[in-house]
């Protein structure tokens, strides 16, 4: 365990400045919906002391287009138990363009009817020029399409709340976290990562519409046992998920990708908590070997699926 002076942990703000053994820290945070320009985010990352590698991936123009067009979906009351839903559906996506349509769904609960207008507006992204164009058939759809075009210009250069929350979670995952409650959101972080945790706290503070909380856990028998139990639970849960995924050839590729990331974090947890898990290591060594074997199998399956998807896409583009 690391011996730290609590007075040196500026993110914690404790009155006791005595020297104690800190087992680690409980951390939780919240990041509100907001838009942050990519260059501003990089400046905040560097000012906070985080590594550039934690920056989200560069914003892809097709992703910005899809976010903008998805954001205009809405529901409007038309009177006498009639509701109009404006939905966006993708009809074309190839190497040259992405085409989406605004569809009007008409729900008449009085007569129990459901009807569609399939082409209220057409929204087109030209991938080469990175420009968006649209056409519409009435004022309502015209206003929605214009709003999508406005949002598209914003989303091309701004990260949203989801991207920021994903970034924060990646920082947490790099610190061998243990989830301390079944619903998630509260993490135990080992003391050895106190500098990165402090940098994360600074990042959340500098971000503005976000906050982070840290509570130190002193190295007591009770706290040690709590961490041990949660670490064991983490390994057992991941092991169970791996078994289910490997035994099911129909496991969706997105679930495989998420499970690969979760397994790699769990294996990191085992290595970081070996001292805490001494009494469990005889069983864990066997579990770790089995997890590594299953992880290798899932990565191989993921690679084959991606190769097949690329082949199918190339075939589809040739036909187009």
C-alpha atoms as a PDB file:
ATOM      1  CA  UNK A   1       0.000   0.000   0.000  1.00  0.00           C
ATOM      2  CA  UNK A   2       1.114   3.545  -0.632  1.00  0.00           C
ATOM      3  CA  UNK A   3       1.835   5.857   2.281  1.00  0.00           C
ATOM      4  CA  UNK A   4       0.529   9.320   1.549  1.00  0.00           C
ATOM      5  CA  UNK A   5       0.049  12.482   3.523  1.00  0.00           C
ATOM      6  CA  UNK A   6      -3.634  13.309   3.247  1.00  0.00           C
ATOM      7  CA  UNK A   7      -2.746  16.999   3.237  1.00  0.00           C
ATOM      8  CA  UNK A   8      -1.014  16.411  -0.120  1.00  0.00           C
ATOM      9  CA  UNK A   9      -4.223  15.128  -1.728  1.00  0.00           C
ATOM     10  CA  UNK A  10      -5.701  18.464  -2.731  1.00  0.00           C
ATOM     11  CA  UNK A  11      -8.668  16.799  -4.426  1.00  0.00           C
ATOM     12  CA  UNK A  12      -9.811  15.277  -1.138  1.00  0.00           C
ATOM     13  CA  UNK A  13      -9.780  18.259   1.242  1.00  0.00           C
ATOM     14  CA  UNK A  14      -9.522  16.491   4.584  1.00  0.00           C
ATOM     15  CA  UNK A  15      -8.770  18.167   7.875  1.00  0.00           C
ATOM     16  CA  UNK A  16      -6.507  15.390   9.124  1.00  0.00           C
ATOM     17  CA  UNK A  17      -2.978  16.033   7.885  1.00  0.00           C
ATOM     18  CA  UNK A  18      -1.453  13.036   9.645  1.00  0.00           C
ATOM     19  CA  UNK A  19       0.358  10.297   7.781  1.00  0.00           C
ATOM     20  CA  UNK A  20      -1.804   7.229   7.229  1.00  0.00           C
ATOM     21  CA  UNK A  21      -1.901   4.286   4.861  1.00  0.00           C
ATOM     22  CA  UNK A  22      -4.449   4.946   2.130  1.00  0.00           C
ATOM     23  CA  UNK A  23      -5.904   1.841   0.512  1.00  0.00           C
ATOM     24  CA  UNK A  24      -7.468   3.800  -2.312  1.00  0.00           C
ATOM     25  CA  UNK A  25     -10.301   6.161  -3.153  1.00  0.00           C
ATOM     26  CA  UNK A  26     -13.998   6.024  -3.875  1.00  0.00           C
ATOM     27  CA  UNK A  27     -14.832   8.101  -6.926  1.00  0.00           C
ATOM     28  CA  UNK A  28     -18.032   9.087  -8.669  1.00  0.00           C
ATOM     29  CA  UNK A  29     -18.840  11.818 -11.153  1.00  0.00           C
ATOM     30  CA  UNK A  30     -21.457  13.375 -13.376  1.00  0.00           C
ATOM     31  CA  UNK A  31     -21.106  15.077 -16.768  1.00  0.00           C
ATOM     32  CA  UNK A  32     -24.072  17.112 -17.982  1.00  0.00           C
ATOM     33  CA  UNK A  33     -25.116  17.508 -21.600  1.00  0.00           C
ATOM     34  CA  UNK A  34     -22.930  20.088 -23.285  1.00  0.00           C
ATOM     35  CA  UNK A  35     -20.964  20.808 -26.438  1.00  0.00           C
ATOM     36  CA  UNK A  36     -17.199  21.336 -26.329  1.00  0.00           C
ATOM     37  CA  UNK A  37     -15.085  22.262 -29.339  1.00  0.00           C
ATOM     38  CA  UNK A  38     -12.337  19.732 -30.026  1.00  0.00           C
ATOM     39  CA  UNK A  39      -9.525  22.276 -29.643  1.00  0.00           C
ATOM     40  CA  UNK A  40     -11.017  23.529 -26.356  1.00  0.00           C
ATOM     41  CA  UNK A  41     -11.269  19.981 -25.039  1.00  0.00           C
ATOM     42  CA  UNK A  42      -7.618  19.289 -25.845  1.00  0.00           C
ATOM     43  CA  UNK A  43      -6.651  22.448 -23.953  1.00  0.00           C
ATOM     44  CA  UNK A  44      -8.677  21.330 -20.915  1.00  0.00           C
ATOM     45  CA  UNK A  45      -7.093  17.862 -21.036  1.00  0.00           C
ATOM     46  CA  UNK A  46      -3.572  19.294 -21.037  1.00  0.00           C
ATOM     47  CA  UNK A  47      -4.342  21.923 -18.395  1.00  0.00           C
ATOM     48  CA  UNK A  48      -5.725  19.203 -16.117  1.00  0.00           C
ATOM     49  CA  UNK A  49      -2.667  16.983 -16.434  1.00  0.00           C
ATOM     50  CA  UNK A  50      -4.284  14.112 -18.344  1.00  0.00           C
ATOM     51  CA  UNK A  51      -2.479  12.519 -21.265  1.00  0.00           C
ATOM     52  CA  UNK A  52      -3.512  13.483 -24.811  1.00  0.00           C
ATOM     53  CA  UNK A  53      -4.264   9.821 -25.446  1.00  0.00           C
ATOM     54  CA  UNK A  54      -7.476  10.139 -23.439  1.00  0.00           C
ATOM     55  CA  UNK A  55      -8.940  12.511 -26.030  1.00  0.00           C
ATOM     56  CA  UNK A  56     -12.002  11.050 -27.787  1.00  0.00           C
ATOM     57  CA  UNK A  57     -11.466   9.900 -31.378  1.00  0.00           C
ATOM     58  CA  UNK A  58     -11.642  12.682 -33.988  1.00  0.00           C
ATOM     59  CA  UNK A  59     -15.218  13.504 -34.958  1.00  0.00           C
ATOM     60  CA  UNK A  60     -16.228  11.749 -38.186  1.00  0.00           C
ATOM     61  CA  UNK A  61     -18.406  13.848 -40.467  1.00  0.00           C
ATOM     62  CA  UNK A  62     -20.883  10.981 -41.138  1.00  0.00           C
ATOM     63  CA  UNK A  63     -21.284  10.553 -37.368  1.00  0.00           C
ATOM     64  CA  UNK A  64     -21.971  14.283 -36.983  1.00  0.00           C
ATOM     65  CA  UNK A  65     -24.544  14.033 -39.777  1.00  0.00           C
ATOM     66  CA  UNK A  66     -26.286  11.107 -38.096  1.00  0.00           C
ATOM     67  CA  UNK A  67     -26.271  12.829 -34.698  1.00  0.00           C
ATOM     68  CA  UNK A  68     -27.738  16.018 -36.172  1.00  0.00           C
ATOM     69  CA  UNK A  69     -30.471  14.260 -38.113  1.00  0.00           C
ATOM     70  CA  UNK A  70     -31.348  12.004 -35.182  1.00  0.00           C
ATOM     71  CA  UNK A  71     -31.673  15.045 -32.903  1.00  0.00           C
ATOM     72  CA  UNK A  72     -34.616  16.473 -34.887  1.00  0.00           C
ATOM     73  CA  UNK A  73     -36.877  13.494 -34.241  1.00  0.00           C
ATOM     74  CA  UNK A  74     -39.930  14.726 -32.362  1.00  0.00           C
ATOM     75  CA  UNK A  75     -43.556  14.160 -31.450  1.00  0.00           C
ATOM     76  CA  UNK A  76     -46.334  16.706 -32.039  1.00  0.00           C
ATOM     77  CA  UNK A  77     -49.972  16.702 -30.998  1.00  0.00           C
ATOM     78  CA  UNK A  78     -52.334  17.256 -33.942  1.00  0.00           C
ATOM     79  CA  UNK A  79     -55.592  17.324 -31.956  1.00  0.00           C
ATOM     80  CA  UNK A  80     -58.499  14.902 -31.445  1.00  0.00           C
ATOM     81  CA  UNK A  81     -56.190  12.104 -30.219  1.00  0.00           C
ATOM     82  CA  UNK A  82     -54.000  12.361 -33.301  1.00  0.00           C
ATOM     83  CA  UNK A  83     -50.221  12.430 -32.849  1.00  0.00           C
ATOM     84  CA  UNK A  84     -47.593  13.036 -35.538  1.00  0.00           C
ATOM     85  CA  UNK A  85     -44.155  11.515 -34.971  1.00  0.00           C
ATOM     86  CA  UNK A  86     -41.293  12.742 -37.141  1.00  0.00           C
ATOM     87  CA  UNK A  87     -38.688   9.978 -37.432  1.00  0.00           C
ATOM     88  CA  UNK A  88     -35.427   9.776 -39.386  1.00  0.00           C
ATOM     89  CA  UNK A  89     -34.554   6.647 -41.338  1.00  0.00           C
ATOM     90  CA  UNK A  90     -31.349   5.887 -43.245  1.00  0.00           C
ATOM     91  CA  UNK A  91     -31.871   4.608 -46.785  1.00  0.00           C
ATOM     92  CA  UNK A  92     -28.391   4.833 -48.371  1.00  0.00           C
ATOM     93  CA  UNK A  93     -24.862   4.675 -46.992  1.00  0.00           C
ATOM     94  CA  UNK A  94     -21.941   4.127 -49.340  1.00  0.00           C
ATOM     95  CA  UNK A  95     -18.481   5.558 -49.964  1.00  0.00           C
ATOM     96  CA  UNK A  96     -19.934   8.658 -51.655  1.00  0.00           C
ATOM     97  CA  UNK A  97     -22.932   9.693 -49.578  1.00  0.00           C
ATOM     98  CA  UNK A  98     -25.340   9.084 -46.725  1.00  0.00           C
ATOM     99  CA  UNK A  99     -29.043   9.585 -47.421  1.00  0.00           C
ATOM    100  CA  UNK A 100     -31.651   9.817 -44.673  1.00  0.00           C
ATOM    101  CA  UNK A 101     -35.350  10.558 -44.858  1.00  0.00           C
ATOM    102  CA  UNK A 102     -37.716  12.286 -42.457  1.00  0.00           C
ATOM    103  CA  UNK A 103     -40.730  10.019 -42.076  1.00  0.00           C
ATOM    104  CA  UNK A 104     -44.046  11.144 -40.581  1.00  0.00           C
ATOM    105  CA  UNK A 105     -45.840   8.521 -38.481  1.00  0.00           C
ATOM    106  CA  UNK A 106     -49.495   9.412 -37.899  1.00  0.00           C
ATOM    107  CA  UNK A 107     -51.143   7.806 -34.864  1.00  0.00           C
ATOM    108  CA  UNK A 108     -54.892   8.147 -34.425  1.00  0.00           C
ATOM    109  CA  UNK A 109     -55.670   6.519 -31.091  1.00  0.00           C
ATOM    110  CA  UNK A 110     -59.364   7.367 -31.462  1.00  0.00           C
ATOM    111  CA  UNK A 111     -59.732   5.202 -34.575  1.00  0.00           C
ATOM    112  CA  UNK A 112     -56.784   2.963 -33.715  1.00  0.00           C
ATOM    113  CA  UNK A 113     -55.155   3.872 -37.041  1.00  0.00           C
ATOM    114  CA  UNK A 114     -51.495   4.101 -37.988  1.00  0.00           C
ATOM    115  CA  UNK A 115     -50.314   5.744 -41.183  1.00  0.00           C
ATOM    116  CA  UNK A 116     -47.022   6.892 -42.714  1.00  0.00           C
ATOM    117  CA  UNK A 117     -45.747   9.605 -44.978  1.00  0.00           C
ATOM    118  CA  UNK A 118     -42.510   8.064 -46.199  1.00  0.00           C
ATOM    119  CA  UNK A 119     -40.743  11.075 -47.644  1.00  0.00           C
ATOM    120  CA  UNK A 120     -41.391  14.302 -45.762  1.00  0.00           C
ATOM    121  CA  UNK A 121     -37.830  15.368 -46.483  1.00  0.00           C
ATOM    122  CA  UNK A 122     -34.597  13.944 -47.882  1.00  0.00           C
ATOM    123  CA  UNK A 123     -31.318  14.717 -46.108  1.00  0.00           C
ATOM    124  CA  UNK A 124     -28.087  14.036 -47.991  1.00  0.00           C
ATOM    125  CA  UNK A 125     -24.450  14.114 -46.890  1.00  0.00           C
ATOM    126  CA  UNK A 126     -21.805  14.292 -49.633  1.00  0.00           C
ATOM    127  CA  UNK A 127     -18.802  12.539 -48.077  1.00  0.00           C
ATOM    128  CA  UNK A 128     -16.293  14.050 -50.487  1.00  0.00           C
ATOM    129  CA  UNK A 129     -17.269  17.688 -49.959  1.00  0.00           C
ATOM    130  CA  UNK A 130     -18.549  17.101 -46.391  1.00  0.00           C
ATOM    131  CA  UNK A 131     -21.575  19.218 -47.253  1.00  0.00           C
ATOM    132  CA  UNK A 132     -25.193  18.522 -46.330  1.00  0.00           C
ATOM    133  CA  UNK A 133     -28.183  19.270 -48.565  1.00  0.00           C
ATOM    134  CA  UNK A 134     -31.894  18.638 -48.189  1.00  0.00           C
ATOM    135  CA  UNK A 135     -35.269  18.882 -49.893  1.00  0.00           C
ATOM    136  CA  UNK A 136     -38.714  18.902 -48.281  1.00  0.00           C
ATOM    137  CA  UNK A 137     -42.394  18.876 -49.218  1.00  0.00           C
ATOM    138  CA  UNK A 138     -43.930  21.195 -46.590  1.00  0.00           C
ATOM    139  CA  UNK A 139     -43.081  23.868 -44.023  1.00  0.00           C
ATOM    140  CA  UNK A 140     -42.918  21.472 -41.063  1.00  0.00           C
ATOM    141  CA  UNK A 141     -40.387  19.177 -42.667  1.00  0.00           C
ATOM    142  CA  UNK A 142     -38.527  22.178 -44.088  1.00  0.00           C
ATOM    143  CA  UNK A 143     -38.052  23.557 -40.565  1.00  0.00           C
ATOM    144  CA  UNK A 144     -36.852  20.191 -39.257  1.00  0.00           C
ATOM    145  CA  UNK A 145     -34.407  19.744 -42.138  1.00  0.00           C
ATOM    146  CA  UNK A 146     -33.051  23.260 -41.635  1.00  0.00           C
ATOM    147  CA  UNK A 147     -32.537  22.537 -37.936  1.00  0.00           C
ATOM    148  CA  UNK A 148     -30.650  19.344 -38.834  1.00  0.00           C
ATOM    149  CA  UNK A 149     -28.387  21.358 -41.146  1.00  0.00           C
ATOM    150  CA  UNK A 150     -27.729  23.877 -38.363  1.00  0.00           C
ATOM    151  CA  UNK A 151     -26.903  21.146 -35.847  1.00  0.00           C
ATOM    152  CA  UNK A 152     -24.679  19.388 -38.374  1.00  0.00           C
ATOM    153  CA  UNK A 153     -22.379  22.417 -38.561  1.00  0.00           C
ATOM    154  CA  UNK A 154     -22.146  22.434 -34.764  1.00  0.00           C
ATOM    155  CA  UNK A 155     -21.628  18.692 -34.322  1.00  0.00           C
ATOM    156  CA  UNK A 156     -18.817  18.587 -36.898  1.00  0.00           C
ATOM    157  CA  UNK A 157     -16.495  20.366 -34.475  1.00  0.00           C
ATOM    158  CA  UNK A 158     -18.039  19.772 -31.038  1.00  0.00           C
ATOM    159  CA  UNK A 159     -18.038  16.761 -28.743  1.00  0.00           C
ATOM    160  CA  UNK A 160     -21.333  16.098 -26.963  1.00  0.00           C
ATOM    161  CA  UNK A 161     -22.057  14.857 -23.454  1.00  0.00           C
ATOM    162  CA  UNK A 162     -22.011  11.208 -24.477  1.00  0.00           C
ATOM    163  CA  UNK A 163     -18.511  11.511 -25.946  1.00  0.00           C
ATOM    164  CA  UNK A 164     -17.306  13.298 -22.803  1.00  0.00           C
ATOM    165  CA  UNK A 165     -18.793  10.667 -20.490  1.00  0.00           C
ATOM    166  CA  UNK A 166     -17.194   7.916 -22.560  1.00  0.00           C
ATOM    167  CA  UNK A 167     -13.846   9.724 -22.293  1.00  0.00           C
ATOM    168  CA  UNK A 168     -14.141  10.015 -18.495  1.00  0.00           C
ATOM    169  CA  UNK A 169     -15.012   6.320 -18.263  1.00  0.00           C
ATOM    170  CA  UNK A 170     -11.897   5.439 -20.279  1.00  0.00           C
ATOM    171  CA  UNK A 171      -9.765   7.385 -17.798  1.00  0.00           C
ATOM    172  CA  UNK A 172     -11.397   5.472 -14.949  1.00  0.00           C
ATOM    173  CA  UNK A 173     -10.838   2.135 -16.713  1.00  0.00           C
ATOM    174  CA  UNK A 174      -7.113   2.919 -16.939  1.00  0.00           C
ATOM    175  CA  UNK A 175      -6.921   2.945 -13.116  1.00  0.00           C
ATOM    176  CA  UNK A 176      -7.961  -0.677 -12.442  1.00  0.00           C
ATOM    177  CA  UNK A 177     -11.359   0.331 -11.020  1.00  0.00           C
ATOM    178  CA  UNK A 178     -13.673  -1.857  -9.014  1.00  0.00           C
ATOM    179  CA  UNK A 179     -17.380  -1.046  -9.269  1.00  0.00           C
ATOM    180  CA  UNK A 180     -18.648  -0.664  -5.711  1.00  0.00           C
ATOM    181  CA  UNK A 181     -22.367  -0.987  -6.339  1.00  0.00           C
ATOM    182  CA  UNK A 182     -24.399  -3.182  -8.669  1.00  0.00           C
ATOM    183  CA  UNK A 183     -25.941  -0.246 -10.543  1.00  0.00           C
ATOM    184  CA  UNK A 184     -22.468   1.185 -11.256  1.00  0.00           C
ATOM    185  CA  UNK A 185     -21.273   4.755 -11.013  1.00  0.00           C
ATOM    186  CA  UNK A 186     -19.169   4.462  -7.848  1.00  0.00           C
ATOM    187  CA  UNK A 187     -15.621   3.155  -8.287  1.00  0.00           C
ATOM    188  CA  UNK A 188     -12.784   2.147  -6.009  1.00  0.00           C
ATOM    189  CA  UNK A 189      -9.444   3.383  -7.374  1.00  0.00           C
ATOM    190  CA  UNK A 190      -6.151   2.045  -5.918  1.00  0.00           C
ATOM    191  CA  UNK A 191      -3.931   4.593  -4.164  1.00  0.00           C
ATOM    192  CA  UNK A 192      -1.135   4.158  -6.720  1.00  0.00           C
ATOM    193  CA  UNK A 193      -3.264   6.037  -9.257  1.00  0.00           C
ATOM    194  CA  UNK A 194      -3.785   9.098  -7.047  1.00  0.00           C
ATOM    195  CA  UNK A 195      -2.004  11.440  -9.497  1.00  0.00           C
ATOM    196  CA  UNK A 196      -4.162  10.420 -12.446  1.00  0.00           C
ATOM    197  CA  UNK A 197      -7.274  10.553 -10.274  1.00  0.00           C
ATOM    198  CA  UNK A 198      -6.360  14.072  -9.215  1.00  0.00           C
ATOM    199  CA  UNK A 199      -5.885  14.988 -12.901  1.00  0.00           C
ATOM    200  CA  UNK A 200      -9.354  13.572 -13.626  1.00  0.00           C
ATOM    201  CA  UNK A 201     -10.786  15.708 -10.823  1.00  0.00           C
ATOM    202  CA  UNK A 202      -9.132  18.772 -12.334  1.00  0.00           C
ATOM    203  CA  UNK A 203     -10.492  17.850 -15.765  1.00  0.00           C
ATOM    204  CA  UNK A 204     -14.051  17.584 -14.449  1.00  0.00           C
ATOM    205  CA  UNK A 205     -13.688  20.916 -12.657  1.00  0.00           C
ATOM    206  CA  UNK A 206     -12.252  22.653 -15.728  1.00  0.00           C
ATOM    207  CA  UNK A 207     -14.900  21.137 -17.982  1.00  0.00           C
ATOM    208  CA  UNK A 208     -17.546  23.226 -16.288  1.00  0.00           C
ATOM    209  CA  UNK A 209     -20.819  21.311 -16.497  1.00  0.00           C
ATOM    210  CA  UNK A 210     -19.378  18.357 -14.616  1.00  0.00           C
ATOM    211  CA  UNK A 211     -18.316  17.356 -11.139  1.00  0.00           C
ATOM    212  CA  UNK A 212     -16.297  14.610  -9.502  1.00  0.00           C
ATOM    213  CA  UNK A 213     -16.158  13.379  -5.927  1.00  0.00           C
ATOM    214  CA  UNK A 214     -13.364  11.549  -4.133  1.00  0.00           C
ATOM    215  CA  UNK A 215     -13.352   9.922  -0.690  1.00  0.00           C
ATOM    216  CA  UNK A 216     -10.182   8.233   0.624  1.00  0.00           C
ATOM    217  CA  UNK A 217     -10.436   4.707   2.046  1.00  0.00           C
ATOM    218  CA  UNK A 218      -8.015   4.154   4.898  1.00  0.00           C
ATOM    219  CA  UNK A 219      -6.313   0.765   5.056  1.00  0.00           C
ATOM    220  CA  UNK A 220      -8.394  -0.992   7.695  1.00  0.00           C
ATOM    221  CA  UNK A 221      -9.362  -4.632   7.949  1.00  0.00           C
ATOM    222  CA  UNK A 222     -12.978  -3.802   7.125  1.00  0.00           C
ATOM    223  CA  UNK A 223     -12.134  -1.709   4.054  1.00  0.00           C
ATOM    224  CA  UNK A 224      -9.669  -4.326   2.836  1.00  0.00           C
ATOM    225  CA  UNK A 225     -12.318  -7.026   3.084  1.00  0.00           C
ATOM    226  CA  UNK A 226     -14.839  -4.821   1.263  1.00  0.00           C
ATOM    227  CA  UNK A 227     -12.427  -4.255  -1.625  1.00  0.00           C
ATOM    228  CA  UNK A 228     -11.569  -7.960  -1.727  1.00  0.00           C
ATOM    229  CA  UNK A 229     -15.224  -8.992  -1.963  1.00  0.00           C
ATOM    230  CA  UNK A 230     -15.956  -6.510  -4.748  1.00  0.00           C
ATOM    231  CA  UNK A 231     -12.832  -7.575  -6.658  1.00  0.00           C
ATOM    232  CA  UNK A 232     -13.910 -11.221  -6.427  1.00  0.00           C
ATOM    233  CA  UNK A 233     -17.388 -10.262  -7.592  1.00  0.00           C
ATOM    234  CA  UNK A 234     -15.927  -8.351 -10.566  1.00  0.00           C
ATOM    235  CA  UNK A 235     -13.907 -11.371 -11.686  1.00  0.00           C
ATOM    236  CA  UNK A 236     -16.819 -13.769 -11.228  1.00  0.00           C
ATOM    237  CA  UNK A 237     -19.228 -11.557 -13.193  1.00  0.00           C
ATOM    238  CA  UNK A 238     -16.802 -11.136 -16.091  1.00  0.00           C
ATOM    239  CA  UNK A 239     -15.980 -14.857 -16.091  1.00  0.00           C
ATOM    240  CA  UNK A 240     -19.690 -15.711 -16.307  1.00  0.00           C
ATOM    241  CA  UNK A 241     -20.260 -13.275 -19.182  1.00  0.00           C
ATOM    242  CA  UNK A 242     -17.279 -14.707 -21.047  1.00  0.00           C
ATOM    243  CA  UNK A 243     -18.585 -18.258 -20.709  1.00  0.00           C
ATOM    244  CA  UNK A 244     -21.999 -17.229 -22.053  1.00  0.00           C
ATOM    245  CA  UNK A 245     -20.516 -15.302 -24.978  1.00  0.00           C
ATOM    246  CA  UNK A 246     -18.101 -18.060 -26.002  1.00  0.00           C
ATOM    247  CA  UNK A 247     -20.795 -20.747 -25.817  1.00  0.00           C
ATOM    248  CA  UNK A 248     -23.217 -18.682 -27.908  1.00  0.00           C
ATOM    249  CA  UNK A 249     -22.143 -18.344 -31.566  1.00  0.00           C
ATOM    250  CA  UNK A 250     -24.930 -15.774 -32.063  1.00  0.00           C
ATOM    251  CA  UNK A 251     -23.517 -13.257 -29.571  1.00  0.00           C
ATOM    252  CA  UNK A 252     -23.824  -9.826 -31.283  1.00  0.00           C
ATOM    253  CA  UNK A 253     -20.548  -8.230 -32.366  1.00  0.00           C
ATOM    254  CA  UNK A 254     -21.180  -5.096 -30.291  1.00  0.00           C
ATOM    255  CA  UNK A 255     -21.577  -7.243 -27.148  1.00  0.00           C
ATOM    256  CA  UNK A 256     -18.327  -9.027 -27.994  1.00  0.00           C
ATOM    257  CA  UNK A 257     -16.508  -5.686 -28.337  1.00  0.00           C
ATOM    258  CA  UNK A 258     -17.848  -4.467 -24.988  1.00  0.00           C
ATOM    259  CA  UNK A 259     -16.976  -7.753 -23.289  1.00  0.00           C
ATOM    260  CA  UNK A 260     -13.424  -7.694 -24.662  1.00  0.00           C
ATOM    261  CA  UNK A 261     -12.926  -4.249 -23.108  1.00  0.00           C
ATOM    262  CA  UNK A 262     -14.492  -5.370 -19.818  1.00  0.00           C
ATOM    263  CA  UNK A 263     -12.316  -8.497 -19.683  1.00  0.00           C
ATOM    264  CA  UNK A 264      -9.122  -6.543 -20.274  1.00  0.00           C
ATOM    265  CA  UNK A 265     -10.051  -4.188 -17.424  1.00  0.00           C
ATOM    266  CA  UNK A 266     -10.839  -7.170 -15.162  1.00  0.00           C
ATOM    267  CA  UNK A 267      -7.500  -8.832 -15.898  1.00  0.00           C
ATOM    268  CA  UNK A 268      -5.857  -5.518 -15.011  1.00  0.00           C
ATOM    269  CA  UNK A 269      -7.815  -5.553 -11.738  1.00  0.00           C
ATOM    270  CA  UNK A 270      -6.494  -9.029 -10.865  1.00  0.00           C
ATOM    271  CA  UNK A 271      -2.906  -7.922 -11.407  1.00  0.00           C
ATOM    272  CA  UNK A 272      -3.319  -4.708  -9.411  1.00  0.00           C
ATOM    273  CA  UNK A 273      -5.072  -6.395  -6.481  1.00  0.00           C
ATOM    274  CA  UNK A 274      -2.922  -9.505  -6.084  1.00  0.00           C
ATOM    275  CA  UNK A 275      -1.876  -8.423  -2.599  1.00  0.00           C
ATOM    276  CA  UNK A 276      -5.500  -7.994  -1.573  1.00  0.00           C
ATOM    277  CA  UNK A 277      -6.558 -11.263  -3.222  1.00  0.00           C
ATOM    278  CA  UNK A 278      -3.872 -13.465  -1.690  1.00  0.00           C
ATOM    279  CA  UNK A 279      -6.378 -15.960  -0.242  1.00  0.00           C
ATOM    280  CA  UNK A 280      -8.196 -16.200  -3.598  1.00  0.00           C
ATOM    281  CA  UNK A 281      -5.201 -16.491  -5.929  1.00  0.00           C
ATOM    282  CA  UNK A 282      -5.148 -20.290  -6.038  1.00  0.00           C
ATOM    283  CA  UNK A 283      -8.577 -20.202  -7.676  1.00  0.00           C
ATOM    284  CA  UNK A 284      -7.989 -16.980  -9.570  1.00  0.00           C
ATOM    285  CA  UNK A 285      -4.905 -18.230 -11.388  1.00  0.00           C
ATOM    286  CA  UNK A 286      -7.034 -20.929 -12.985  1.00  0.00           C
ATOM    287  CA  UNK A 287      -9.794 -18.393 -13.716  1.00  0.00           C
ATOM    288  CA  UNK A 288      -7.341 -15.949 -15.265  1.00  0.00           C
ATOM    289  CA  UNK A 289      -5.942 -18.610 -17.583  1.00  0.00           C
ATOM    290  CA  UNK A 290      -9.457 -19.577 -18.627  1.00  0.00           C
ATOM    291  CA  UNK A 291     -10.412 -15.913 -19.129  1.00  0.00           C
ATOM    292  CA  UNK A 292      -7.333 -15.285 -21.251  1.00  0.00           C
ATOM    293  CA  UNK A 293      -8.196 -18.311 -23.398  1.00  0.00           C
ATOM    294  CA  UNK A 294     -11.811 -17.189 -23.854  1.00  0.00           C
ATOM    295  CA  UNK A 295     -10.689 -13.622 -24.535  1.00  0.00           C
ATOM    296  CA  UNK A 296      -8.405 -14.875 -27.309  1.00  0.00           C
ATOM    297  CA  UNK A 297     -11.293 -16.840 -28.806  1.00  0.00           C
ATOM    298  CA  UNK A 298     -13.607 -13.799 -28.759  1.00  0.00           C
ATOM    299  CA  UNK A 299     -10.951 -11.570 -30.345  1.00  0.00           C
ATOM    300  CA  UNK A 300     -10.543 -14.136 -33.108  1.00  0.00           C
ATOM    301  CA  UNK A 301     -14.298 -14.216 -33.643  1.00  0.00           C
ATOM    302  CA  UNK A 302     -14.434 -10.407 -33.712  1.00  0.00           C
ATOM    303  CA  UNK A 303     -11.641 -10.303 -36.299  1.00  0.00           C
ATOM    304  CA  UNK A 304     -13.473 -12.800 -38.527  1.00  0.00           C
ATOM    305  CA  UNK A 305     -16.736 -10.843 -38.262  1.00  0.00           C
ATOM    306  CA  UNK A 306     -15.023  -7.562 -39.186  1.00  0.00           C
ATOM    307  CA  UNK A 307     -13.345  -9.221 -42.158  1.00  0.00           C
ATOM    308  CA  UNK A 308     -16.678 -10.618 -43.333  1.00  0.00           C
ATOM    309  CA  UNK A 309     -18.385  -7.243 -42.858  1.00  0.00           C
ATOM    310  CA  UNK A 310     -15.699  -5.580 -44.979  1.00  0.00           C
ATOM    311  CA  UNK A 311     -16.164  -8.195 -47.701  1.00  0.00           C
ATOM    312  CA  UNK A 312     -19.952  -7.774 -47.644  1.00  0.00           C
ATOM    313  CA  UNK A 313     -19.646  -3.975 -47.813  1.00  0.00           C
ATOM    314  CA  UNK A 314     -17.253  -4.168 -50.770  1.00  0.00           C
ATOM    315  CA  UNK A 315     -19.658  -6.518 -52.561  1.00  0.00           C
ATOM    316  CA  UNK A 316     -22.583  -4.211 -51.837  1.00  0.00           C
ATOM    317  CA  UNK A 317     -20.717  -1.166 -53.180  1.00  0.00           C
ATOM    318  CA  UNK A 318     -19.861  -3.014 -56.391  1.00  0.00           C
ATOM    319  CA  UNK A 319     -23.547  -3.776 -56.887  1.00  0.00           C
ATOM    320  CA  UNK A 320     -24.459  -0.147 -56.246  1.00  0.00           C
END
